[in-house]
Amino acid sequence: PIPESLRTELKGLTHLGLQDQKENRLIFTPQKDTEVSDIVSLLTGR
């Protein structure tokens, strides 16, 4: 599971479109100009 602080940060990044988080699963609906690789890079960077 990801830390609460990171979840708050992800929610603030509206272009990522974080919809839900259940235990070890994150669900995003990213905006059109946001690539899946952008989300992956951000998470691995954290």
All heavy atoms as atom14 arrays in JSON, in Angstrom:
{
  "sequence": "PIPESLRTELKGLTHLGLQDQKENRLIFTPQKDTEVSDIVSLLTGR",
  "atom14_mask": [
    [1, 1, 1, 1, 1, 1, 1, 0, 0, 0, 0, 0, 0, 0],
    [1, 1, 1, 1, 1, 1, 1, 1, 0, 0, 0, 0, 0, 0],
    [1, 1, 1, 1, 1, 1, 1, 0, 0, 0, 0, 0, 0, 0],
    [1, 1, 1, 1, 1, 1, 1, 1, 1, 0, 0, 0, 0, 0],
    [1, 1, 1, 1, 1, 1, 0, 0, 0, 0, 0, 0, 0, 0],
    [1, 1, 1, 1, 1, 1, 1, 1, 0, 0, 0, 0, 0, 0],
    [1, 1, 1, 1, 1, 1, 1, 1, 1, 1, 1, 0, 0, 0],
    [1, 1, 1, 1, 1, 1, 1, 0, 0, 0, 0, 0, 0, 0],
    [1, 1, 1, 1, 1, 1, 1, 1, 1, 0, 0, 0, 0, 0],
    [1, 1, 1, 1, 1, 1, 1, 1, 0, 0, 0, 0, 0, 0],
    [1, 1, 1, 1, 1, 1, 1, 1, 1, 0, 0, 0, 0, 0],
    [1, 1, 1, 1, 0, 0, 0, 0, 0, 0, 0, 0, 0, 0],
    [1, 1, 1, 1, 1, 1, 1, 1, 0, 0, 0, 0, 0, 0],
    [1, 1, 1, 1, 1, 1, 1, 0, 0, 0, 0, 0, 0, 0],
    [1, 1, 1, 1, 1, 1, 1, 1, 1, 1, 0, 0, 0, 0],
    [1, 1, 1, 1, 1, 1, 1, 1, 0, 0, 0, 0, 0, 0],
    [1, 1, 1, 1, 0, 0, 0, 0, 0, 0, 0, 0, 0, 0],
    [1, 1, 1, 1, 1, 1, 1, 1, 0, 0, 0, 0, 0, 0],
    [1, 1, 1, 1, 1, 1, 1, 1, 1, 0, 0, 0, 0, 0],
    [1, 1, 1, 1, 1, 1, 1, 1, 0, 0, 0, 0, 0, 0],
    [1, 1, 1, 1, 1, 1, 1, 1, 1, 0, 0, 0, 0, 0],
    [1, 1, 1, 1, 1, 1, 1, 1, 1, 0, 0, 0, 0, 0],
    [1, 1, 1, 1, 1, 1, 1, 1, 1, 0, 0, 0, 0, 0],
    [1, 1, 1, 1, 1, 1, 1, 1, 0, 0, 0, 0, 0, 0],
    [1, 1, 1, 1, 1, 1, 1, 1, 1, 1, 1, 0, 0, 0],
    [1, 1, 1, 1, 1, 1, 1, 1, 0, 0, 0, 0, 0, 0],
    [1, 1, 1, 1, 1, 1, 1, 1, 0, 0, 0, 0, 0, 0],
    [1, 1, 1, 1, 1, 1, 1, 1, 1, 1, 1, 0, 0, 0],
    [1, 1, 1, 1, 1, 1, 1, 0, 0, 0, 0, 0, 0, 0],
    [1, 1, 1, 1, 1, 1, 1, 0, 0, 0, 0, 0, 0, 0],
    [1, 1, 1, 1, 1, 1, 1, 1, 1, 0, 0, 0, 0, 0],
    [1, 1, 1, 1, 1, 1, 1, 1, 1, 0, 0, 0, 0, 0],
    [1, 1, 1, 1, 1, 1, 1, 1, 0, 0, 0, 0, 0, 0],
    [1, 1, 1, 1, 1, 1, 1, 0, 0, 0, 0, 0, 0, 0],
    [1, 1, 1, 1, 1, 1, 1, 1, 1, 0, 0, 0, 0, 0],
    [1, 1, 1, 1, 1, 1, 1, 0, 0, 0, 0, 0, 0, 0],
    [1, 1, 1, 1, 1, 1, 0, 0, 0, 0, 0, 0, 0, 0],
    [1, 1, 1, 1, 1, 1, 1, 1, 0, 0, 0, 0, 0, 0],
    [1, 1, 1, 1, 1, 1, 1, 1, 0, 0, 0, 0, 0, 0],
    [1, 1, 1, 1, 1, 1, 1, 0, 0, 0, 0, 0, 0, 0],
    [1, 1, 1, 1, 1, 1, 0, 0, 0, 0, 0, 0, 0, 0],
    [1, 1, 1, 1, 1, 1, 1, 1, 0, 0, 0, 0, 0, 0],
    [1, 1, 1, 1, 1, 1, 1, 1, 0, 0, 0, 0, 0, 0],
    [1, 1, 1, 1, 1, 1, 1, 0, 0, 0, 0, 0, 0, 0],
    [1, 1, 1, 1, 0, 0, 0, 0, 0, 0, 0, 0, 0, 0],
    [1, 1, 1, 1, 1, 1, 1, 1, 1, 1, 1, 0, 0, 0]
  ],
  "atom14_positions": [
    [[0.84, -1.21, 0.0], [0.0, 0.0, 0.0], [0.87, 1.26, 0.0], [1.94, 1.28, 0.61], [-0.79, -0.12, 1.3], [-0.75, -1.57, 1.66], [0.56, -2.08, 1.16], [0.0, 0.0, 0.0], [0.0, 0.0, 0.0], [0.0, 0.0, 0.0], [0.0, 0.0, 0.0], [0.0, 0.0, 0.0], [0.0, 0.0, 0.0], [0.0, 0.0, 0.0]],
    [[0.41, 2.3, -0.7], [1.21, 3.54, -0.74], [0.91, 4.4, 0.48], [-0.19, 4.33, 1.04], [0.95, 4.34, -2.05], [-0.47, 4.89, -2.09], [1.25, 3.51, -3.28], [-0.69, 5.94, -3.16], [0.0, 0.0, 0.0], [0.0, 0.0, 0.0], [0.0, 0.0, 0.0], [0.0, 0.0, 0.0], [0.0, 0.0, 0.0], [0.0, 0.0, 0.0]],
    [[1.89, 5.21, 0.93], [1.68, 6.05, 2.11], [0.59, 7.11, 1.89], [0.35, 7.54, 0.75], [3.04, 6.74, 2.31], [3.99, 6.08, 1.38], [3.21, 5.36, 0.34], [0.0, 0.0, 0.0], [0.0, 0.0, 0.0], [0.0, 0.0, 0.0], [0.0, 0.0, 0.0], [0.0, 0.0, 0.0], [0.0, 0.0, 0.0], [0.0, 0.0, 0.0]],
    [[-0.05, 7.52, 2.95], [-1.12, 8.52, 2.9], [-0.63, 9.82, 2.27], [-1.35, 10.46, 1.49], [-1.63, 8.79, 4.33], [-2.8, 9.76, 4.39], [-4.07, 9.22, 3.76], [-4.32, 8.0, 3.85], [-4.8, 10.02, 3.15], [0.0, 0.0, 0.0], [0.0, 0.0, 0.0], [0.0, 0.0, 0.0], [0.0, 0.0, 0.0], [0.0, 0.0, 0.0]],
    [[0.61, 10.21, 2.58], [1.14, 11.47, 2.05], [1.24, 11.44, 0.53], [0.95, 12.42, -0.16], [2.53, 11.76, 2.65], [3.41, 10.69, 2.34], [0.0, 0.0, 0.0], [0.0, 0.0, 0.0], [0.0, 0.0, 0.0], [0.0, 0.0, 0.0], [0.0, 0.0, 0.0], [0.0, 0.0, 0.0], [0.0, 0.0, 0.0], [0.0, 0.0, 0.0]],
    [[1.62, 10.29, -0.03], [1.73, 10.16, -1.49], [0.33, 10.16, -2.12], [0.13, 10.76, -3.18], [2.5, 8.89, -1.87], [2.66, 8.62, -3.37], [3.26, 9.82, -4.1], [3.5, 7.37, -3.62], [0.0, 0.0, 0.0], [0.0, 0.0, 0.0], [0.0, 0.0, 0.0], [0.0, 0.0, 0.0], [0.0, 0.0, 0.0], [0.0, 0.0, 0.0]],
    [[-0.6, 9.51, -1.46], [-1.96, 9.49, -1.98], [-2.52, 10.92, -2.07], [-3.14, 11.28, -3.06], [-2.85, 8.61, -1.1], [-4.26, 8.45, -1.68], [-5.03, 7.35, -1.04], [-5.16, 7.55, 0.41], [-5.79, 6.71, 1.22], [-6.31, 5.6, 0.73], [-5.89, 6.95, 2.5], [0.0, 0.0, 0.0], [0.0, 0.0, 0.0], [0.0, 0.0, 0.0]],
    [[-2.25, 11.71, -1.04], [-2.7, 13.12, -1.04], [-2.05, 13.88, -2.19], [-2.7, 14.67, -2.88], [-2.36, 13.79, 0.31], [-2.96, 13.04, 1.36], [-2.84, 15.22, 0.37], [0.0, 0.0, 0.0], [0.0, 0.0, 0.0], [0.0, 0.0, 0.0], [0.0, 0.0, 0.0], [0.0, 0.0, 0.0], [0.0, 0.0, 0.0], [0.0, 0.0, 0.0]],
    [[-0.76, 13.62, -2.41], [-0.05, 14.28, -3.5], [-0.64, 13.9, -4.86], [-0.86, 14.76, -5.72], [1.44, 13.9, -3.48], [2.25, 14.57, -4.58], [3.68, 14.04, -4.69], [4.12, 13.25, -3.81], [4.36, 14.4, -5.66], [0.0, 0.0, 0.0], [0.0, 0.0, 0.0], [0.0, 0.0, 0.0], [0.0, 0.0, 0.0], [0.0, 0.0, 0.0]],
    [[-0.94, 12.6, -5.04], [-1.5, 12.13, -6.31], [-2.87, 12.75, -6.58], [-3.19, 13.11, -7.71], [-1.61, 10.6, -6.3], [-0.3, 9.81, -6.31], [-0.56, 8.33, -6.09], [0.47, 10.03, -7.62], [0.0, 0.0, 0.0], [0.0, 0.0, 0.0], [0.0, 0.0, 0.0], [0.0, 0.0, 0.0], [0.0, 0.0, 0.0], [0.0, 0.0, 0.0]],
    [[-3.67, 12.89, -5.52], [-5.0, 13.49, -5.67], [-4.89, 14.95, -6.12], [-5.73, 15.45, -6.85], [-5.78, 13.39, -4.36], [-6.4, 12.02, -4.13], [-7.26, 12.02, -2.89], [-7.95, 10.67, -2.72], [-8.72, 10.6, -1.47], [0.0, 0.0, 0.0], [0.0, 0.0, 0.0], [0.0, 0.0, 0.0], [0.0, 0.0, 0.0], [0.0, 0.0, 0.0]],
    [[-3.83, 15.6, -5.67], [-3.62, 17.01, -6.02], [-3.19, 17.19, -7.46], [-3.35, 18.27, -8.04], [0.0, 0.0, 0.0], [0.0, 0.0, 0.0], [0.0, 0.0, 0.0], [0.0, 0.0, 0.0], [0.0, 0.0, 0.0], [0.0, 0.0, 0.0], [0.0, 0.0, 0.0], [0.0, 0.0, 0.0], [0.0, 0.0, 0.0], [0.0, 0.0, 0.0]],
    [[-2.65, 16.13, -8.07], [-2.21, 16.19, -9.47], [-3.39, 15.76, -10.35], [-3.52, 14.61, -10.76], [-1.0, 15.28, -9.69], [0.25, 15.64, -8.85], [1.29, 14.54, -8.92], [0.84, 16.96, -9.33], [0.0, 0.0, 0.0], [0.0, 0.0, 0.0], [0.0, 0.0, 0.0], [0.0, 0.0, 0.0], [0.0, 0.0, 0.0], [0.0, 0.0, 0.0]],
    [[-4.27, 16.72, -10.64], [-5.55, 16.4, -11.28], [-5.39, 15.77, -12.68], [-6.26, 15.03, -13.13], [-6.43, 17.66, -11.39], [-5.68, 18.69, -12.06], [-6.85, 18.15, -10.03], [0.0, 0.0, 0.0], [0.0, 0.0, 0.0], [0.0, 0.0, 0.0], [0.0, 0.0, 0.0], [0.0, 0.0, 0.0], [0.0, 0.0, 0.0], [0.0, 0.0, 0.0]],
    [[-4.28, 16.09, -13.37], [-4.08, 15.52, -14.7], [-3.91, 14.0, -14.66], [-4.11, 13.31, -15.66], [-2.89, 16.17, -15.42], [-1.57, 15.9, -14.77], [-1.2, 16.48, -13.58], [-0.53, 15.1, -15.15], [0.01, 16.06, -13.25], [0.44, 15.23, -14.19], [0.0, 0.0, 0.0], [0.0, 0.0, 0.0], [0.0, 0.0, 0.0], [0.0, 0.0, 0.0]],
    [[-3.53, 13.48, -13.49], [-3.38, 12.02, -13.35], [-4.74, 11.34, -13.21], [-4.91, 10.18, -13.57], [-2.51, 11.67, -12.15], [-1.07, 12.2, -12.15], [-0.33, 11.7, -10.92], [-0.32, 11.78, -13.41], [0.0, 0.0, 0.0], [0.0, 0.0, 0.0], [0.0, 0.0, 0.0], [0.0, 0.0, 0.0], [0.0, 0.0, 0.0], [0.0, 0.0, 0.0]],
    [[-5.7, 12.04, -12.63], [-7.06, 11.51, -12.5], [-7.17, 10.32, -11.57], [-7.81, 9.32, -11.91], [0.0, 0.0, 0.0], [0.0, 0.0, 0.0], [0.0, 0.0, 0.0], [0.0, 0.0, 0.0], [0.0, 0.0, 0.0], [0.0, 0.0, 0.0], [0.0, 0.0, 0.0], [0.0, 0.0, 0.0], [0.0, 0.0, 0.0], [0.0, 0.0, 0.0]],
    [[-6.55, 10.4, -10.38], [-6.67, 9.29, -9.42], [-8.14, 9.15, -9.02], [-8.75, 10.06, -8.49], [-5.81, 9.56, -8.18], [-5.88, 8.47, -7.09], [-5.32, 7.14, -7.59], [-5.14, 8.91, -5.83], [0.0, 0.0, 0.0], [0.0, 0.0, 0.0], [0.0, 0.0, 0.0], [0.0, 0.0, 0.0], [0.0, 0.0, 0.0], [0.0, 0.0, 0.0]],
    [[-8.7, 7.97, -9.28], [-10.11, 7.72, -8.99], [-10.32, 6.97, -7.68], [-11.28, 7.21, -6.96], [-10.74, 6.9, -10.13], [-10.71, 7.57, -11.48], [-11.52, 8.85, -11.5], [-12.66, 8.87, -11.07], [-10.91, 9.93, -12.0], [0.0, 0.0, 0.0], [0.0, 0.0, 0.0], [0.0, 0.0, 0.0], [0.0, 0.0, 0.0], [0.0, 0.0, 0.0]],
    [[-9.4, 6.04, -7.41], [-9.64, 5.14, -6.28], [-8.33, 4.47, -5.87], [-7.42, 4.32, -6.69], [-10.66, 4.07, -6.69], [-11.25, 3.33, -5.5], [-11.05, 3.81, -4.36], [-11.9, 2.31, -5.71], [0.0, 0.0, 0.0], [0.0, 0.0, 0.0], [0.0, 0.0, 0.0], [0.0, 0.0, 0.0], [0.0, 0.0, 0.0], [0.0, 0.0, 0.0]],
    [[-8.27, 4.11, -4.59], [-7.13, 3.32, -4.12], [-7.64, 2.27, -3.16], [-8.29, 2.58, -2.18], [-6.09, 4.21, -3.42], [-4.78, 3.46, -3.23], [-4.23, 3.55, -1.81], [-4.52, 4.5, -1.1], [-3.46, 2.56, -1.4], [0.0, 0.0, 0.0], [0.0, 0.0, 0.0], [0.0, 0.0, 0.0], [0.0, 0.0, 0.0], [0.0, 0.0, 0.0]],
    [[-7.39, 1.02, -3.5], [-7.8, -0.1, -2.64], [-6.58, -0.95, -2.36], [-6.05, -1.6, -3.25], [-8.88, -0.93, -3.33], [-10.19, -0.17, -3.54], [-11.18, -1.0, -4.32], [-12.46, -0.22, -4.57], [-13.4, -0.92, -5.44], [0.0, 0.0, 0.0], [0.0, 0.0, 0.0], [0.0, 0.0, 0.0], [0.0, 0.0, 0.0], [0.0, 0.0, 0.0]],
    [[-6.15, -0.91, -1.11], [-4.97, -1.68, -0.68], [-3.8, -1.46, -1.65], [-3.23, -0.4, -1.68], [-5.33, -3.17, -0.54], [-6.37, -3.42, 0.55], [-6.72, -4.87, 0.7], [-6.18, -5.71, -0.06], [-7.53, -5.17, 1.58], [0.0, 0.0, 0.0], [0.0, 0.0, 0.0], [0.0, 0.0, 0.0], [0.0, 0.0, 0.0], [0.0, 0.0, 0.0]],
    [[-3.48, -2.47, -2.45], [-2.31, -2.38, -3.34], [-2.69, -2.01, -4.77], [-1.96, -2.31, -5.7], [-1.56, -3.72, -3.37], [-1.02, -4.1, -2.02], [-1.37, -3.48, -1.01], [-0.19, -5.11, -1.96], [0.0, 0.0, 0.0], [0.0, 0.0, 0.0], [0.0, 0.0, 0.0], [0.0, 0.0, 0.0], [0.0, 0.0, 0.0], [0.0, 0.0, 0.0]],
    [[-3.84, -1.35, -4.94], [-4.3, -1.08, -6.3], [-4.71, 0.39, -6.43], [-5.5, 0.91, -5.66], [-5.49, -1.97, -6.64], [-5.8, -2.02, -8.12], [-6.87, -3.04, -8.41], [-8.14, -2.68, -7.78], [-9.33, -2.97, -8.27], [-9.42, -3.65, -9.37], [-10.44, -2.6, -7.65], [0.0, 0.0, 0.0], [0.0, 0.0, 0.0], [0.0, 0.0, 0.0]],
    [[-4.15, 1.04, -7.46], [-4.48, 2.44, -7.77], [-5.22, 2.47, -9.11], [-4.8, 1.81, -10.06], [-3.21, 3.28, -7.88], [-2.35, 3.42, -6.63], [-0.96, 3.86, -7.0], [-2.99, 4.42, -5.66], [0.0, 0.0, 0.0], [0.0, 0.0, 0.0], [0.0, 0.0, 0.0], [0.0, 0.0, 0.0], [0.0, 0.0, 0.0], [0.0, 0.0, 0.0]],
    [[-6.3, 3.25, -9.17], [-7.06, 3.37, -10.42], [-7.05, 4.83, -10.86], [-7.47, 5.72, -10.11], [-8.5, 2.88, -10.24], [-8.51, 1.41, -9.8], [-9.28, 3.03, -11.55], [-9.88, 0.86, -9.47], [0.0, 0.0, 0.0], [0.0, 0.0, 0.0], [0.0, 0.0, 0.0], [0.0, 0.0, 0.0], [0.0, 0.0, 0.0], [0.0, 0.0, 0.0]],
    [[-6.53, 5.06, -12.07], [-6.44, 6.41, -12.63], [-7.3, 6.53, -13.89], [-7.46, 5.55, -14.63], [-4.99, 6.74, -13.04], [-4.0, 6.73, -11.91], [-3.34, 5.55, -11.55], [-3.7, 7.9, -11.22], [-2.41, 5.54, -10.51], [-2.76, 7.89, -10.19], [-2.12, 6.72, -9.83], [0.0, 0.0, 0.0], [0.0, 0.0, 0.0], [0.0, 0.0, 0.0]],
    [[-7.83, 7.71, -14.14], [-8.39, 8.05, -15.45], [-7.64, 9.29, -15.92], [-8.09, 10.43, -15.73], [-9.91, 8.34, -15.35], [-10.54, 7.25, -14.7], [-10.52, 8.51, -16.73], [0.0, 0.0, 0.0], [0.0, 0.0, 0.0], [0.0, 0.0, 0.0], [0.0, 0.0, 0.0], [0.0, 0.0, 0.0], [0.0, 0.0, 0.0], [0.0, 0.0, 0.0]],
    [[-6.48, 9.09, -16.52], [-5.62, 10.24, -16.88], [-6.22, 11.1, -17.99], [-6.97, 10.6, -18.84], [-4.32, 9.58, -17.34], [-4.7, 8.2, -17.75], [-5.87, 7.81, -16.9], [0.0, 0.0, 0.0], [0.0, 0.0, 0.0], [0.0, 0.0, 0.0], [0.0, 0.0, 0.0], [0.0, 0.0, 0.0], [0.0, 0.0, 0.0], [0.0, 0.0, 0.0]],
    [[-5.87, 12.39, -17.97], [-6.28, 13.28, -19.04], [-5.57, 12.9, -20.34], [-4.55, 12.2, -20.32], [-5.98, 14.74, -18.65], [-6.85, 15.24, -17.51], [-6.51, 16.66, -17.08], [-5.67, 17.33, -17.69], [-7.15, 17.11, -16.0], [0.0, 0.0, 0.0], [0.0, 0.0, 0.0], [0.0, 0.0, 0.0], [0.0, 0.0, 0.0], [0.0, 0.0, 0.0]],
    [[-6.1, 13.38, -21.47], [-5.63, 12.92, -22.78], [-4.14, 13.07, -23.0], [-3.5, 12.24, -23.63], [-6.4, 13.64, -23.89], [-7.76, 13.04, -24.16], [-8.41, 13.66, -25.37], [-9.77, 13.0, -25.65], [-10.47, 13.64, -26.77], [0.0, 0.0, 0.0], [0.0, 0.0, 0.0], [0.0, 0.0, 0.0], [0.0, 0.0, 0.0], [0.0, 0.0, 0.0]],
    [[-3.56, 14.16, -22.5], [-2.13, 14.39, -22.77], [-1.22, 13.74, -21.73], [-0.02, 13.98, -21.72], [-1.85, 15.91, -22.85], [-2.33, 16.65, -21.6], [-3.0, 16.02, -20.76], [-2.03, 17.85, -21.48], [0.0, 0.0, 0.0], [0.0, 0.0, 0.0], [0.0, 0.0, 0.0], [0.0, 0.0, 0.0], [0.0, 0.0, 0.0], [0.0, 0.0, 0.0]],
    [[-1.8, 12.93, -20.84], [-1.0, 12.24, -19.82], [-0.81, 10.78, -20.22], [-1.78, 10.06, -20.46], [-1.69, 12.3, -18.44], [-1.88, 13.67, -18.09], [-0.84, 11.62, -17.37], [0.0, 0.0, 0.0], [0.0, 0.0, 0.0], [0.0, 0.0, 0.0], [0.0, 0.0, 0.0], [0.0, 0.0, 0.0], [0.0, 0.0, 0.0], [0.0, 0.0, 0.0]],
    [[0.45, 10.37, -20.34], [0.75, 8.99, -20.74], [0.83, 8.1, -19.5], [1.11, 8.56, -18.4], [2.1, 8.93, -21.48], [2.16, 9.77, -22.74], [1.28, 9.22, -23.85], [0.98, 8.01, -23.83], [0.87, 10.01, -24.71], [0.0, 0.0, 0.0], [0.0, 0.0, 0.0], [0.0, 0.0, 0.0], [0.0, 0.0, 0.0], [0.0, 0.0, 0.0]],
    [[0.61, 6.8, -19.72], [0.73, 5.82, -18.63], [2.16, 5.86, -18.08], [2.37, 5.78, -16.86], [0.39, 4.4, -19.14], [0.61, 3.37, -18.03], [-1.04, 4.33, -19.63], [0.0, 0.0, 0.0], [0.0, 0.0, 0.0], [0.0, 0.0, 0.0], [0.0, 0.0, 0.0], [0.0, 0.0, 0.0], [0.0, 0.0, 0.0], [0.0, 0.0, 0.0]],
    [[3.13, 6.06, -18.97], [4.54, 6.1, -18.53], [4.8, 7.27, -17.57], [5.67, 7.17, -16.7], [5.47, 6.2, -19.74], [5.15, 7.34, -20.52], [0.0, 0.0, 0.0], [0.0, 0.0, 0.0], [0.0, 0.0, 0.0], [0.0, 0.0, 0.0], [0.0, 0.0, 0.0], [0.0, 0.0, 0.0], [0.0, 0.0, 0.0], [0.0, 0.0, 0.0]],
    [[4.04, 8.38, -17.72], [4.19, 9.52, -16.8], [3.81, 9.12, -15.38], [4.48, 9.49, -14.41], [3.31, 10.7, -17.25], [3.69, 11.24, -18.62], [4.86, 11.06, -19.01], [2.82, 11.82, -19.28], [0.0, 0.0, 0.0], [0.0, 0.0, 0.0], [0.0, 0.0, 0.0], [0.0, 0.0, 0.0], [0.0, 0.0, 0.0], [0.0, 0.0, 0.0]],
    [[2.73, 8.37, -15.27], [2.26, 7.93, -13.94], [3.25, 6.95, -13.34], [3.62, 7.05, -12.16], [0.86, 7.27, -14.05], [-0.14, 8.23, -14.69], [0.36, 6.82, -12.68], [-1.49, 7.61, -15.02], [0.0, 0.0, 0.0], [0.0, 0.0, 0.0], [0.0, 0.0, 0.0], [0.0, 0.0, 0.0], [0.0, 0.0, 0.0], [0.0, 0.0, 0.0]],
    [[3.7, 6.01, -14.16], [4.65, 4.99, -13.68], [5.95, 5.67, -13.22], [6.48, 5.35, -12.15], [4.94, 3.95, -14.79], [6.09, 3.03, -14.38], [3.68, 3.13, -15.09], [0.0, 0.0, 0.0], [0.0, 0.0, 0.0], [0.0, 0.0, 0.0], [0.0, 0.0, 0.0], [0.0, 0.0, 0.0], [0.0, 0.0, 0.0], [0.0, 0.0, 0.0]],
    [[6.45, 6.63, -14.01], [7.7, 7.33, -13.65], [7.56, 8.06, -12.32], [8.46, 8.03, -11.48], [8.08, 8.33, -14.75], [8.35, 7.67, -15.94], [0.0, 0.0, 0.0], [0.0, 0.0, 0.0], [0.0, 0.0, 0.0], [0.0, 0.0, 0.0], [0.0, 0.0, 0.0], [0.0, 0.0, 0.0], [0.0, 0.0, 0.0], [0.0, 0.0, 0.0]],
    [[6.41, 8.73, -12.14], [6.19, 9.48, -10.89], [6.18, 8.53, -9.69], [6.82, 8.81, -8.66], [4.86, 10.23, -10.97], [4.6, 11.24, -9.84], [3.83, 12.44, -10.37], [3.83, 10.61, -8.69], [0.0, 0.0, 0.0], [0.0, 0.0, 0.0], [0.0, 0.0, 0.0], [0.0, 0.0, 0.0], [0.0, 0.0, 0.0], [0.0, 0.0, 0.0]],
    [[5.48, 7.41, -9.82], [5.38, 6.46, -8.7], [6.73, 5.83, -8.37], [7.12, 5.76, -7.2], [4.36, 5.36, -9.03], [2.89, 5.81, -9.09], [2.01, 4.67, -9.59], [2.4, 6.28, -7.72], [0.0, 0.0, 0.0], [0.0, 0.0, 0.0], [0.0, 0.0, 0.0], [0.0, 0.0, 0.0], [0.0, 0.0, 0.0], [0.0, 0.0, 0.0]],
    [[7.45, 5.41, -9.41], [8.76, 4.79, -9.15], [9.74, 5.81, -8.58], [10.59, 5.49, -7.75], [9.33, 4.15, -10.44], [9.35, 5.12, -11.49], [8.51, 2.95, -10.87], [0.0, 0.0, 0.0], [0.0, 0.0, 0.0], [0.0, 0.0, 0.0], [0.0, 0.0, 0.0], [0.0, 0.0, 0.0], [0.0, 0.0, 0.0], [0.0, 0.0, 0.0]],
    [[9.59, 7.07, -9.02], [10.42, 8.15, -8.48], [10.17, 8.4, -6.99], [11.04, 8.95, -6.29], [0.0, 0.0, 0.0], [0.0, 0.0, 0.0], [0.0, 0.0, 0.0], [0.0, 0.0, 0.0], [0.0, 0.0, 0.0], [0.0, 0.0, 0.0], [0.0, 0.0, 0.0], [0.0, 0.0, 0.0], [0.0, 0.0, 0.0], [0.0, 0.0, 0.0]],
    [[8.99, 8.01, -6.52], [8.65, 8.14, -5.09], [8.92, 6.86, -4.32], [8.49, 6.7, -3.19], [7.17, 8.54, -4.92], [6.74, 9.83, -5.57], [7.38, 11.07, -4.92], [6.77, 12.3, -5.42], [7.1, 12.88, -6.55], [8.04, 12.33, -7.33], [6.53, 14.01, -6.94], [0.0, 0.0, 0.0], [0.0, 0.0, 0.0], [0.0, 0.0, 0.0]]
  ]
}
